Full PDB file with SEQRES, HELIX, SHEET, SSBOND, CRYST1, ORIGX, SCALE, CONECT and MASTER records, all heavy atoms in Angstrom:
SEQRES   1 A   39  ASP VAL LEU LEU GLN ASN LYS ARG TYR ILE TYR SER VAL          
SEQRES   2 A   39  PHE LEU SER VAL GLN MET ILE GLU LYS ALA LEU LYS ALA          
SEQRES   3 A   39  ILE TRP SER GLU GLU ARG ALA HIS TYR PRO PRO ARG SER          
HELIX    1 AA1 VAL A    2  GLN A    5  1                                   4    
HELIX    2 AA2 TYR A    9  GLU A   31  1                                  23    
CRYST1    1.000    1.000    1.000  90.00  90.00  90.00 P 1           1          
ORIGX1      1.000000  0.000000  0.000000        0.00000                         
ORIGX2      0.000000  1.000000  0.000000        0.00000                         
ORIGX3      0.000000  0.000000  1.000000        0.00000                         
SCALE1      1.000000  0.000000  0.000000        0.00000                         
SCALE2      0.000000  1.000000  0.000000        0.00000                         
SCALE3      0.000000  0.000000  1.000000        0.00000                         
ATOM      1  N   ASP A   1       0.837  -1.215   0.000  1.00  0.00           N  
ATOM      2  CA  ASP A   1       0.000   0.000   0.000  1.00  0.00           C  
ATOM      3  C   ASP A   1       0.866   1.259   0.000  1.00  0.00           C  
ATOM      4  O   ASP A   1       0.613   2.190  -0.757  1.00  0.00           O  
ATOM      5  CB  ASP A   1      -0.921   0.026   1.229  1.00  0.00           C  
ATOM      6  CG  ASP A   1      -2.143  -0.857   1.076  1.00  0.00           C  
ATOM      7  OD1 ASP A   1      -2.632  -1.031  -0.057  1.00  0.00           O  
ATOM      8  OD2 ASP A   1      -2.619  -1.370   2.113  1.00  0.00           O  
ATOM      9  N   VAL A   2       1.889   1.282   0.848  1.00  0.00           N  
ATOM     10  CA  VAL A   2       2.787   2.432   0.930  1.00  0.00           C  
ATOM     11  C   VAL A   2       3.521   2.631  -0.398  1.00  0.00           C  
ATOM     12  O   VAL A   2       3.625   3.755  -0.900  1.00  0.00           O  
ATOM     13  CB  VAL A   2       3.792   2.263   2.092  1.00  0.00           C  
ATOM     14  CG1 VAL A   2       4.892   3.320   2.033  1.00  0.00           C  
ATOM     15  CG2 VAL A   2       3.071   2.313   3.433  1.00  0.00           C  
ATOM     16  N   LEU A   3       4.007   1.543  -0.964  1.00  0.00           N  
ATOM     17  CA  LEU A   3       4.725   1.634  -2.240  1.00  0.00           C  
ATOM     18  C   LEU A   3       3.816   2.137  -3.353  1.00  0.00           C  
ATOM     19  O   LEU A   3       4.229   2.964  -4.167  1.00  0.00           O  
ATOM     20  CB  LEU A   3       5.322   0.272  -2.606  1.00  0.00           C  
ATOM     21  CG  LEU A   3       6.472  -0.189  -1.712  1.00  0.00           C  
ATOM     22  CD1 LEU A   3       6.794  -1.658  -1.975  1.00  0.00           C  
ATOM     23  CD2 LEU A   3       7.699   0.679  -1.927  1.00  0.00           C  
ATOM     24  N   LEU A   4       2.589   1.660  -3.386  1.00  0.00           N  
ATOM     25  CA  LEU A   4       1.641   2.126  -4.395  1.00  0.00           C  
ATOM     26  C   LEU A   4       1.422   3.633  -4.270  1.00  0.00           C  
ATOM     27  O   LEU A   4       1.475   4.357  -5.265  1.00  0.00           O  
ATOM     28  CB  LEU A   4       0.309   1.378  -4.254  1.00  0.00           C  
ATOM     29  CG  LEU A   4      -0.795   1.820  -5.218  1.00  0.00           C  
ATOM     30  CD1 LEU A   4      -0.437   1.462  -6.652  1.00  0.00           C  
ATOM     31  CD2 LEU A   4      -2.116   1.180  -4.811  1.00  0.00           C  
ATOM     32  N   GLN A   5       1.204   4.103  -3.075  1.00  0.00           N  
ATOM     33  CA  GLN A   5       0.951   5.527  -2.858  1.00  0.00           C  
ATOM     34  C   GLN A   5       2.165   6.383  -3.203  1.00  0.00           C  
ATOM     35  O   GLN A   5       2.028   7.559  -3.537  1.00  0.00           O  
ATOM     36  CB  GLN A   5       0.508   5.787  -1.406  1.00  0.00           C  
ATOM     37  CG  GLN A   5      -0.815   5.136  -1.061  1.00  0.00           C  
ATOM     38  CD  GLN A   5      -1.918   5.421  -2.068  1.00  0.00           C  
ATOM     39  OE1 GLN A   5      -2.105   6.542  -2.524  1.00  0.00           O  
ATOM     40  NE2 GLN A   5      -2.639   4.368  -2.458  1.00  0.00           N  
ATOM     41  N   ASN A   6       3.351   5.778  -3.127  1.00  0.00           N  
ATOM     42  CA  ASN A   6       4.578   6.501  -3.459  1.00  0.00           C  
ATOM     43  C   ASN A   6       5.076   6.224  -4.874  1.00  0.00           C  
ATOM     44  O   ASN A   6       6.242   6.455  -5.191  1.00  0.00           O  
ATOM     45  CB  ASN A   6       5.658   6.176  -2.420  1.00  0.00           C  
ATOM     46  CG  ASN A   6       5.387   6.893  -1.120  1.00  0.00           C  
ATOM     47  OD1 ASN A   6       5.612   8.094  -1.000  1.00  0.00           O  
ATOM     48  ND2 ASN A   6       4.850   6.164  -0.145  1.00  0.00           N  
ATOM     49  N   LYS A   7       4.167   5.707  -5.708  1.00  0.00           N  
ATOM     50  CA  LYS A   7       4.418   5.481  -7.134  1.00  0.00           C  
ATOM     51  C   LYS A   7       5.560   4.504  -7.401  1.00  0.00           C  
ATOM     52  O   LYS A   7       6.239   4.589  -8.415  1.00  0.00           O  
ATOM     53  CB  LYS A   7       4.655   6.809  -7.848  1.00  0.00           C  
ATOM     54  CG  LYS A   7       3.466   7.742  -7.724  1.00  0.00           C  
ATOM     55  CD  LYS A   7       3.714   9.067  -8.388  1.00  0.00           C  
ATOM     56  CE  LYS A   7       2.482   9.952  -8.164  1.00  0.00           C  
ATOM     57  NZ  LYS A   7       2.691  11.313  -8.552  1.00  0.00           N  
ATOM     58  N   ARG A   8       5.735   3.566  -6.507  1.00  0.00           N  
ATOM     59  CA  ARG A   8       6.719   2.496  -6.682  1.00  0.00           C  
ATOM     60  C   ARG A   8       5.943   1.250  -7.110  1.00  0.00           C  
ATOM     61  O   ARG A   8       5.844   0.250  -6.406  1.00  0.00           O  
ATOM     62  CB  ARG A   8       7.513   2.263  -5.395  1.00  0.00           C  
ATOM     63  CG  ARG A   8       8.168   3.525  -4.832  1.00  0.00           C  
ATOM     64  CD  ARG A   8       9.129   4.144  -5.785  1.00  0.00           C  
ATOM     65  NE  ARG A   8      10.339   3.338  -5.854  1.00  0.00           N  
ATOM     66  CZ  ARG A   8      11.375   3.611  -6.612  1.00  0.00           C  
ATOM     67  NH1 ARG A   8      11.364   4.667  -7.381  1.00  0.00           N  
ATOM     68  NH2 ARG A   8      12.418   2.831  -6.616  1.00  0.00           N  
ATOM     69  N   TYR A   9       5.350   1.343  -8.292  1.00  0.00           N  
ATOM     70  CA  TYR A   9       4.375   0.361  -8.761  1.00  0.00           C  
ATOM     71  C   TYR A   9       4.930  -1.047  -8.887  1.00  0.00           C  
ATOM     72  O   TYR A   9       4.284  -2.018  -8.504  1.00  0.00           O  
ATOM     73  CB  TYR A   9       3.773   0.802 -10.097  1.00  0.00           C  
ATOM     74  CG  TYR A   9       3.203   2.197 -10.067  1.00  0.00           C  
ATOM     75  CD1 TYR A   9       3.499   3.104 -11.065  1.00  0.00           C  
ATOM     76  CD2 TYR A   9       2.371   2.610  -9.023  1.00  0.00           C  
ATOM     77  CE1 TYR A   9       2.975   4.391 -11.041  1.00  0.00           C  
ATOM     78  CE2 TYR A   9       1.856   3.893  -8.990  1.00  0.00           C  
ATOM     79  CZ  TYR A   9       2.161   4.777 -10.005  1.00  0.00           C  
ATOM     80  OH  TYR A   9       1.652   6.046  -9.969  1.00  0.00           O  
ATOM     81  N   ILE A  10       6.118  -1.161  -9.438  1.00  0.00           N  
ATOM     82  CA  ILE A  10       6.653  -2.497  -9.695  1.00  0.00           C  
ATOM     83  C   ILE A  10       6.859  -3.267  -8.386  1.00  0.00           C  
ATOM     84  O   ILE A  10       6.614  -4.472  -8.322  1.00  0.00           O  
ATOM     85  CB  ILE A  10       7.932  -2.429 -10.551  1.00  0.00           C  
ATOM     86  CG1 ILE A  10       8.234  -3.803 -11.120  1.00  0.00           C  
ATOM     87  CG2 ILE A  10       9.101  -1.859  -9.784  1.00  0.00           C  
ATOM     88  CD1 ILE A  10       9.208  -3.793 -12.273  1.00  0.00           C  
ATOM     89  N   TYR A  11       7.262  -2.574  -7.344  1.00  0.00           N  
ATOM     90  CA  TYR A  11       7.484  -3.267  -6.077  1.00  0.00           C  
ATOM     91  C   TYR A  11       6.183  -3.494  -5.322  1.00  0.00           C  
ATOM     92  O   TYR A  11       6.066  -4.442  -4.544  1.00  0.00           O  
ATOM     93  CB  TYR A  11       8.540  -2.543  -5.251  1.00  0.00           C  
ATOM     94  CG  TYR A  11       9.890  -2.710  -5.905  1.00  0.00           C  
ATOM     95  CD1 TYR A  11      10.516  -1.660  -6.542  1.00  0.00           C  
ATOM     96  CD2 TYR A  11      10.498  -3.966  -5.943  1.00  0.00           C  
ATOM     97  CE1 TYR A  11      11.729  -1.837  -7.195  1.00  0.00           C  
ATOM     98  CE2 TYR A  11      11.708  -4.150  -6.591  1.00  0.00           C  
ATOM     99  CZ  TYR A  11      12.318  -3.088  -7.209  1.00  0.00           C  
ATOM    100  OH  TYR A  11      13.514  -3.275  -7.862  1.00  0.00           O  
ATOM    101  N   SER A  12       5.200  -2.675  -5.572  1.00  0.00           N  
ATOM    102  CA  SER A  12       3.867  -2.947  -5.035  1.00  0.00           C  
ATOM    103  C   SER A  12       3.325  -4.238  -5.657  1.00  0.00           C  
ATOM    104  O   SER A  12       2.751  -5.091  -4.970  1.00  0.00           O  
ATOM    105  CB  SER A  12       2.932  -1.774  -5.321  1.00  0.00           C  
ATOM    106  OG  SER A  12       1.637  -2.046  -4.835  1.00  0.00           O  
ATOM    107  N   VAL A  13       3.532  -4.397  -6.953  1.00  0.00           N  
ATOM    108  CA  VAL A  13       3.106  -5.618  -7.646  1.00  0.00           C  
ATOM    109  C   VAL A  13       3.923  -6.817  -7.152  1.00  0.00           C  
ATOM    110  O   VAL A  13       3.371  -7.892  -6.899  1.00  0.00           O  
ATOM    111  CB  VAL A  13       3.219  -5.447  -9.171  1.00  0.00           C  
ATOM    112  CG1 VAL A  13       3.043  -6.774  -9.890  1.00  0.00           C  
ATOM    113  CG2 VAL A  13       2.202  -4.428  -9.656  1.00  0.00           C  
ATOM    114  N   PHE A  14       5.219  -6.638  -6.996  1.00  0.00           N  
ATOM    115  CA  PHE A  14       6.069  -7.711  -6.483  1.00  0.00           C  
ATOM    116  C   PHE A  14       5.537  -8.209  -5.139  1.00  0.00           C  
ATOM    117  O   PHE A  14       5.415  -9.415  -4.919  1.00  0.00           O  
ATOM    118  CB  PHE A  14       7.502  -7.201  -6.342  1.00  0.00           C  
ATOM    119  CG  PHE A  14       8.471  -8.205  -5.782  1.00  0.00           C  
ATOM    120  CD1 PHE A  14       9.022  -9.180  -6.596  1.00  0.00           C  
ATOM    121  CD2 PHE A  14       8.841  -8.161  -4.456  1.00  0.00           C  
ATOM    122  CE1 PHE A  14       9.918 -10.104  -6.090  1.00  0.00           C  
ATOM    123  CE2 PHE A  14       9.736  -9.083  -3.935  1.00  0.00           C  
ATOM    124  CZ  PHE A  14      10.282 -10.053  -4.747  1.00  0.00           C  
ATOM    125  N   LEU A  15       5.190  -7.294  -4.265  1.00  0.00           N  
ATOM    126  CA  LEU A  15       4.669  -7.689  -2.956  1.00  0.00           C  
ATOM    127  C   LEU A  15       3.263  -8.274  -3.057  1.00  0.00           C  
ATOM    128  O   LEU A  15       2.873  -9.084  -2.215  1.00  0.00           O  
ATOM    129  CB  LEU A  15       4.707  -6.521  -1.973  1.00  0.00           C  
ATOM    130  CG  LEU A  15       6.102  -6.166  -1.479  1.00  0.00           C  
ATOM    131  CD1 LEU A  15       6.051  -4.962  -0.542  1.00  0.00           C  
ATOM    132  CD2 LEU A  15       6.767  -7.348  -0.793  1.00  0.00           C  
ATOM    133  N   SER A  16       2.530  -7.914  -4.082  1.00  0.00           N  
ATOM    134  CA  SER A  16       1.216  -8.527  -4.295  1.00  0.00           C  
ATOM    135  C   SER A  16       1.379 -10.022  -4.552  1.00  0.00           C  
ATOM    136  O   SER A  16       0.600 -10.840  -4.049  1.00  0.00           O  
ATOM    137  CB  SER A  16       0.497  -7.863  -5.471  1.00  0.00           C  
ATOM    138  OG  SER A  16       0.217  -6.511  -5.184  1.00  0.00           O  
ATOM    139  N   VAL A  17       2.396 -10.374  -5.320  1.00  0.00           N  
ATOM    140  CA  VAL A  17       2.690 -11.791  -5.563  1.00  0.00           C  
ATOM    141  C   VAL A  17       3.146 -12.448  -4.267  1.00  0.00           C  
ATOM    142  O   VAL A  17       2.694 -13.544  -3.911  1.00  0.00           O  
ATOM    143  CB  VAL A  17       3.759 -11.949  -6.669  1.00  0.00           C  
ATOM    144  CG1 VAL A  17       4.113 -13.413  -6.883  1.00  0.00           C  
ATOM    145  CG2 VAL A  17       3.303 -11.298  -7.970  1.00  0.00           C  
ATOM    146  N   GLN A  18       4.018 -11.772  -3.538  1.00  0.00           N  
ATOM    147  CA  GLN A  18       4.527 -12.305  -2.275  1.00  0.00           C  
ATOM    148  C   GLN A  18       3.405 -12.544  -1.259  1.00  0.00           C  
ATOM    149  O   GLN A  18       3.434 -13.519  -0.514  1.00  0.00           O  
ATOM    150  CB  GLN A  18       5.555 -11.327  -1.677  1.00  0.00           C  
ATOM    151  CG  GLN A  18       6.856 -11.273  -2.418  1.00  0.00           C  
ATOM    152  CD  GLN A  18       7.634 -12.550  -2.205  1.00  0.00           C  
ATOM    153  OE1 GLN A  18       8.208 -12.767  -1.144  1.00  0.00           O  
ATOM    154  NE2 GLN A  18       7.642 -13.409  -3.199  1.00  0.00           N  
ATOM    155  N   MET A  19       2.433 -11.646  -1.216  1.00  0.00           N  
ATOM    156  CA  MET A  19       1.310 -11.789  -0.275  1.00  0.00           C  
ATOM    157  C   MET A  19       0.584 -13.108  -0.508  1.00  0.00           C  
ATOM    158  O   MET A  19       0.290 -13.836   0.447  1.00  0.00           O  
ATOM    159  CB  MET A  19       0.315 -10.639  -0.472  1.00  0.00           C  
ATOM    160  CG  MET A  19       0.820  -9.289  -0.065  1.00  0.00           C  
ATOM    161  SD  MET A  19      -0.071  -7.871  -0.787  1.00  0.00           S  
ATOM    162  CE  MET A  19      -1.735  -8.421  -0.991  1.00  0.00           C  
ATOM    163  N   ILE A  20       0.297 -13.393  -1.765  1.00  0.00           N  
ATOM    164  CA  ILE A  20      -0.427 -14.626  -2.080  1.00  0.00           C  
ATOM    165  C   ILE A  20       0.440 -15.834  -1.756  1.00  0.00           C  
ATOM    166  O   ILE A  20      -0.040 -16.827  -1.194  1.00  0.00           O  
ATOM    167  CB  ILE A  20      -0.891 -14.626  -3.549  1.00  0.00           C  
ATOM    168  CG1 ILE A  20      -1.908 -13.499  -3.775  1.00  0.00           C  
ATOM    169  CG2 ILE A  20      -1.480 -15.985  -3.932  1.00  0.00           C  
ATOM    170  CD1 ILE A  20      -2.284 -13.263  -5.222  1.00  0.00           C  
ATOM    171  N   GLU A  21       1.714 -15.759  -2.082  1.00  0.00           N  
ATOM    172  CA  GLU A  21       2.624 -16.860  -1.755  1.00  0.00           C  
ATOM    173  C   GLU A  21       2.619 -17.131  -0.252  1.00  0.00           C  
ATOM    174  O   GLU A  21       2.531 -18.281   0.187  1.00  0.00           O  
ATOM    175  CB  GLU A  21       4.040 -16.534  -2.221  1.00  0.00           C  
ATOM    176  CG  GLU A  21       5.042 -17.615  -1.882  1.00  0.00           C  
ATOM    177  CD  GLU A  21       6.468 -17.250  -2.259  1.00  0.00           C  
ATOM    178  OE1 GLU A  21       6.671 -16.446  -3.184  1.00  0.00           O  
ATOM    179  OE2 GLU A  21       7.379 -17.802  -1.620  1.00  0.00           O  
ATOM    180  N   LYS A  22       2.685 -16.096   0.543  1.00  0.00           N  
ATOM    181  CA  LYS A  22       2.727 -16.275   1.993  1.00  0.00           C  
ATOM    182  C   LYS A  22       1.395 -16.782   2.544  1.00  0.00           C  
ATOM    183  O   LYS A  22       1.369 -17.577   3.485  1.00  0.00           O  
ATOM    184  CB  LYS A  22       3.176 -14.988   2.666  1.00  0.00           C  
ATOM    185  CG  LYS A  22       4.653 -14.727   2.385  1.00  0.00           C  
ATOM    186  CD  LYS A  22       5.134 -13.386   2.845  1.00  0.00           C  
ATOM    187  CE  LYS A  22       6.589 -13.195   2.426  1.00  0.00           C  
ATOM    188  NZ  LYS A  22       7.076 -11.846   2.627  1.00  0.00           N  
ATOM    189  N   ALA A  23       0.293 -16.380   1.948  1.00  0.00           N  
ATOM    190  CA  ALA A  23      -1.010 -16.916   2.357  1.00  0.00           C  
ATOM    191  C   ALA A  23      -1.071 -18.416   2.063  1.00  0.00           C  
ATOM    192  O   ALA A  23      -1.544 -19.207   2.892  1.00  0.00           O  
ATOM    193  CB  ALA A  23      -2.141 -16.174   1.648  1.00  0.00           C  
ATOM    194  N   LEU A  24      -0.590 -18.805   0.886  1.00  0.00           N  
ATOM    195  CA  LEU A  24      -0.554 -20.235   0.535  1.00  0.00           C  
ATOM    196  C   LEU A  24       0.359 -21.004   1.485  1.00  0.00           C  
ATOM    197  O   LEU A  24       0.021 -22.108   1.936  1.00  0.00           O  
ATOM    198  CB  LEU A  24      -0.087 -20.409  -0.911  1.00  0.00           C  
ATOM    199  CG  LEU A  24      -1.086 -19.986  -1.990  1.00  0.00           C  
ATOM    200  CD1 LEU A  24      -0.394 -19.861  -3.344  1.00  0.00           C  
ATOM    201  CD2 LEU A  24      -2.258 -20.951  -2.055  1.00  0.00           C  
ATOM    202  N   LYS A  25       1.484 -20.435   1.817  1.00  0.00           N  
ATOM    203  CA  LYS A  25       2.415 -21.113   2.720  1.00  0.00           C  
ATOM    204  C   LYS A  25       1.887 -21.159   4.151  1.00  0.00           C  
ATOM    205  O   LYS A  25       2.200 -22.081   4.907  1.00  0.00           O  
ATOM    206  CB  LYS A  25       3.803 -20.482   2.619  1.00  0.00           C  
ATOM    207  CG  LYS A  25       4.439 -20.827   1.261  1.00  0.00           C  
ATOM    208  CD  LYS A  25       5.831 -20.309   1.094  1.00  0.00           C  
ATOM    209  CE  LYS A  25       6.397 -20.793  -0.240  1.00  0.00           C  
ATOM    210  NZ  LYS A  25       7.763 -20.330  -0.486  1.00  0.00           N  
ATOM    211  N   ALA A  26       1.050 -20.197   4.518  1.00  0.00           N  
ATOM    212  CA  ALA A  26       0.382 -20.266   5.825  1.00  0.00           C  
ATOM    213  C   ALA A  26      -0.557 -21.469   5.867  1.00  0.00           C  
ATOM    214  O   ALA A  26      -0.596 -22.215   6.861  1.00  0.00           O  
ATOM    215  CB  ALA A  26      -0.385 -18.975   6.097  1.00  0.00           C  
ATOM    216  N   ILE A  27      -1.300 -21.654   4.795  1.00  0.00           N  
ATOM    217  CA  ILE A  27      -2.198 -22.815   4.717  1.00  0.00           C  
ATOM    218  C   ILE A  27      -1.378 -24.100   4.772  1.00  0.00           C  
ATOM    219  O   ILE A  27      -1.713 -25.043   5.499  1.00  0.00           O  
ATOM    220  CB  ILE A  27      -3.069 -22.747   3.445  1.00  0.00           C  
ATOM    221  CG1 ILE A  27      -4.031 -21.565   3.530  1.00  0.00           C  
ATOM    222  CG2 ILE A  27      -3.827 -24.063   3.237  1.00  0.00           C  
ATOM    223  CD1 ILE A  27      -4.749 -21.231   2.234  1.00  0.00           C  
ATOM    224  N   TRP A  28      -0.292 -24.141   4.004  1.00  0.00           N  
ATOM    225  CA  TRP A  28       0.587 -25.314   4.014  1.00  0.00           C  
ATOM    226  C   TRP A  28       1.058 -25.595   5.438  1.00  0.00           C  
ATOM    227  O   TRP A  28       1.009 -26.734   5.916  1.00  0.00           O  
ATOM    228  CB  TRP A  28       1.786 -25.063   3.104  1.00  0.00           C  
ATOM    229  CG  TRP A  28       2.673 -26.259   2.962  1.00  0.00           C  
ATOM    230  CD1 TRP A  28       3.530 -26.773   3.893  1.00  0.00           C  
ATOM    231  CD2 TRP A  28       2.761 -27.112   1.823  1.00  0.00           C  
ATOM    232  NE1 TRP A  28       4.158 -27.875   3.395  1.00  0.00           N  
ATOM    233  CE2 TRP A  28       3.708 -28.118   2.129  1.00  0.00           C  
ATOM    234  CE3 TRP A  28       2.151 -27.117   0.574  1.00  0.00           C  
ATOM    235  CZ2 TRP A  28       4.047 -29.114   1.236  1.00  0.00           C  
ATOM    236  CZ3 TRP A  28       2.493 -28.113  -0.318  1.00  0.00           C  
ATOM    237  CH2 TRP A  28       3.429 -29.092   0.008  1.00  0.00           C  
ATOM    238  N   SER A  29       1.530 -24.565   6.093  1.00  0.00           N  
ATOM    239  CA  SER A  29       2.058 -24.701   7.441  1.00  0.00           C  
ATOM    240  C   SER A  29       1.000 -25.237   8.409  1.00  0.00           C  
ATOM    241  O   SER A  29       1.303 -26.073   9.266  1.00  0.00           O  
ATOM    242  CB  SER A  29       2.571 -23.336   7.924  1.00  0.00           C  
ATOM    243  OG  SER A  29       3.053 -23.437   9.233  1.00  0.00           O  
ATOM    244  N   GLU A  30      -0.212 -24.777   8.254  1.00  0.00           N  
ATOM    245  CA  GLU A  30      -1.288 -25.206   9.141  1.00  0.00           C  
ATOM    246  C   GLU A  30      -1.709 -26.654   8.880  1.00  0.00           C  
ATOM    247  O   GLU A  30      -2.040 -27.391   9.806  1.00  0.00           O  
ATOM    248  CB  GLU A  30      -2.494 -24.275   8.987  1.00  0.00           C  
ATOM    249  CG  GLU A  30      -3.567 -24.470  10.018  1.00  0.00           C  
ATOM    250  CD  GLU A  30      -3.142 -24.139  11.444  1.00  0.00           C  
ATOM    251  OE1 GLU A  30      -2.134 -23.438  11.672  1.00  0.00           O  
ATOM    252  OE2 GLU A  30      -3.846 -24.599  12.362  1.00  0.00           O  
ATOM    253  N   GLU A  31      -1.673 -27.055   7.623  1.00  0.00           N  
ATOM    254  CA  GLU A  31      -2.190 -28.376   7.246  1.00  0.00           C  
ATOM    255  C   GLU A  31      -1.149 -29.483   7.229  1.00  0.00           C  
ATOM    256  O   GLU A  31      -1.505 -30.661   7.263  1.00  0.00           O  
ATOM    257  CB  GLU A  31      -2.828 -28.303   5.845  1.00  0.00           C  
ATOM    258  CG  GLU A  31      -4.073 -27.457   5.797  1.00  0.00           C  
ATOM    259  CD  GLU A  31      -4.686 -27.389   4.411  1.00  0.00           C  
ATOM    260  OE1 GLU A  31      -4.065 -27.897   3.434  1.00  0.00           O  
ATOM    261  OE2 GLU A  31      -5.778 -26.817   4.292  1.00  0.00           O  
ATOM    262  N   ARG A  32       0.109 -29.120   7.154  1.00  0.00           N  
ATOM    263  CA  ARG A  32       1.153 -30.131   6.969  1.00  0.00           C  
ATOM    264  C   ARG A  32       2.195 -30.047   8.073  1.00  0.00           C  
ATOM    265  O   ARG A  32       2.379 -29.010   8.696  1.00  0.00           O  
ATOM    266  CB  ARG A  32       1.845 -29.930   5.617  1.00  0.00           C  
ATOM    267  CG  ARG A  32       0.883 -29.670   4.467  1.00  0.00           C  
ATOM    268  CD  ARG A  32       0.779 -30.814   3.541  1.00  0.00           C  
ATOM    269  NE  ARG A  32      -0.340 -30.660   2.628  1.00  0.00           N  
ATOM    270  CZ  ARG A  32      -0.232 -30.675   1.319  1.00  0.00           C  
ATOM    271  NH1 ARG A  32       0.947 -30.790   0.755  1.00  0.00           N  
ATOM    272  NH2 ARG A  32      -1.306 -30.585   0.563  1.00  0.00           N  
ATOM    273  N   ALA A  33       2.890 -31.154   8.256  1.00  0.00           N  
ATOM    274  CA  ALA A  33       3.901 -31.224   9.315  1.00  0.00           C  
ATOM    275  C   ALA A  33       5.247 -30.652   8.872  1.00  0.00           C  
ATOM    276  O   ALA A  33       6.029 -30.212   9.702  1.00  0.00           O  
ATOM    277  CB  ALA A  33       4.080 -32.674   9.770  1.00  0.00           C  
ATOM    278  N   HIS A  34       5.517 -30.658   7.575  1.00  0.00           N  
ATOM    279  CA  HIS A  34       6.822 -30.192   7.099  1.00  0.00           C  
ATOM    280  C   HIS A  34       6.712 -28.792   6.485  1.00  0.00           C  
ATOM    281  O   HIS A  34       5.632 -28.332   6.139  1.00  0.00           O  
ATOM    282  CB  HIS A  34       7.436 -31.188   6.112  1.00  0.00           C  
ATOM    283  CG  HIS A  34       6.572 -31.475   4.921  1.00  0.00           C  
ATOM    284  ND1 HIS A  34       5.447 -32.263   4.972  1.00  0.00           N  
ATOM    285  CD2 HIS A  34       6.660 -31.056   3.637  1.00  0.00           C  
ATOM    286  CE1 HIS A  34       4.893 -32.329   3.776  1.00  0.00           C  
ATOM    287  NE2 HIS A  34       5.603 -31.597   2.949  1.00  0.00           N  
ATOM    288  N   TYR A  35       7.867 -28.166   6.379  1.00  0.00           N  
ATOM    289  CA  TYR A  35       7.962 -26.791   5.871  1.00  0.00           C  
ATOM    290  C   TYR A  35       7.495 -26.723   4.417  1.00  0.00           C  
ATOM    291  O   TYR A  35       7.699 -27.662   3.651  1.00  0.00           O  
ATOM    292  CB  TYR A  35       9.429 -26.321   5.983  1.00  0.00           C  
ATOM    293  CG  TYR A  35       9.591 -24.831   6.003  1.00  0.00           C  
ATOM    294  CD1 TYR A  35       9.297 -24.089   7.153  1.00  0.00           C  
ATOM    295  CD2 TYR A  35      10.039 -24.151   4.879  1.00  0.00           C  
ATOM    296  CE1 TYR A  35       9.449 -22.722   7.163  1.00  0.00           C  
ATOM    297  CE2 TYR A  35      10.198 -22.773   4.888  1.00  0.00           C  
ATOM    298  CZ  TYR A  35       9.897 -22.063   6.044  1.00  0.00           C  
ATOM    299  OH  TYR A  35      10.038 -20.698   6.053  1.00  0.00           O  
ATOM    300  N   PRO A  36       6.887 -25.610   4.016  1.00  0.00           N  
ATOM    301  CA  PRO A  36       6.439 -25.475   2.619  1.00  0.00           C  
ATOM    302  C   PRO A  36       7.603 -25.572   1.643  1.00  0.00           C  
ATOM    303  O   PRO A  36       8.739 -25.241   1.987  1.00  0.00           O  
ATOM    304  CB  PRO A  36       5.829 -24.072   2.562  1.00  0.00           C  
ATOM    305  CG  PRO A  36       5.653 -23.633   3.957  1.00  0.00           C  
ATOM    306  CD  PRO A  36       6.595 -24.423   4.804  1.00  0.00           C  
ATOM    307  N   PRO A  37       7.329 -25.996   0.420  1.00  0.00           N  
ATOM    308  CA  PRO A  37       8.402 -26.060  -0.578  1.00  0.00           C  
ATOM    309  C   PRO A  37       8.985 -24.681  -0.844  1.00  0.00           C  
ATOM    310  O   PRO A  37       8.288 -23.674  -0.746  1.00  0.00           O  
ATOM    311  CB  PRO A  37       7.709 -26.599  -1.829  1.00  0.00           C  
ATOM    312  CG  PRO A  37       6.263 -26.613  -1.567  1.00  0.00           C  
ATOM    313  CD  PRO A  37       6.030 -26.363  -0.115  1.00  0.00           C  
ATOM    314  N   ARG A  38      10.238 -24.656  -1.183  1.00  0.00           N  
ATOM    315  CA  ARG A  38      10.907 -23.387  -1.504  1.00  0.00           C  
ATOM    316  C   ARG A  38      10.615 -23.031  -2.958  1.00  0.00           C  
ATOM    317  O   ARG A  38      11.507 -23.014  -3.798  1.00  0.00           O  
ATOM    318  CB  ARG A  38      12.400 -23.495  -1.234  1.00  0.00           C  
ATOM    319  CG  ARG A  38      12.702 -23.724   0.222  1.00  0.00           C  
ATOM    320  CD  ARG A  38      14.141 -23.483   0.543  1.00  0.00           C  
ATOM    321  NE  ARG A  38      14.434 -23.829   1.907  1.00  0.00           N  
ATOM    322  CZ  ARG A  38      14.248 -23.009   2.949  1.00  0.00           C  
ATOM    323  NH1 ARG A  38      13.773 -21.807   2.762  1.00  0.00           N  
ATOM    324  NH2 ARG A  38      14.544 -23.400   4.170  1.00  0.00           N  
ATOM    325  N   SER A  39       9.358 -22.756  -3.194  1.00  0.00           N  
ATOM    326  CA  SER A  39       8.897 -22.401  -4.532  1.00  0.00           C  
ATOM    327  C   SER A  39       8.163 -21.079  -4.456  1.00  0.00           C  
ATOM    328  O   SER A  39       7.496 -20.788  -3.463  1.00  0.00           O  
ATOM    329  CB  SER A  39       7.945 -23.485  -5.052  1.00  0.00           C  
ATOM    330  OG  SER A  39       7.372 -23.084  -6.277  1.00  0.00           O  
TER     331      SER A  39                                                      
MASTER        0    0    0    2    0    0    0    6  330    1    0    3          
END                                                                             
């Protein structure tokens, strides 16, 4: 959000991808015994 407001669009988009990745890895972490894949 801060990056978007400061016209740092590419890094706002980069973090948009990261947000979804981390949400998926949170689900992985909750459902599985081992660490999420490094993907």
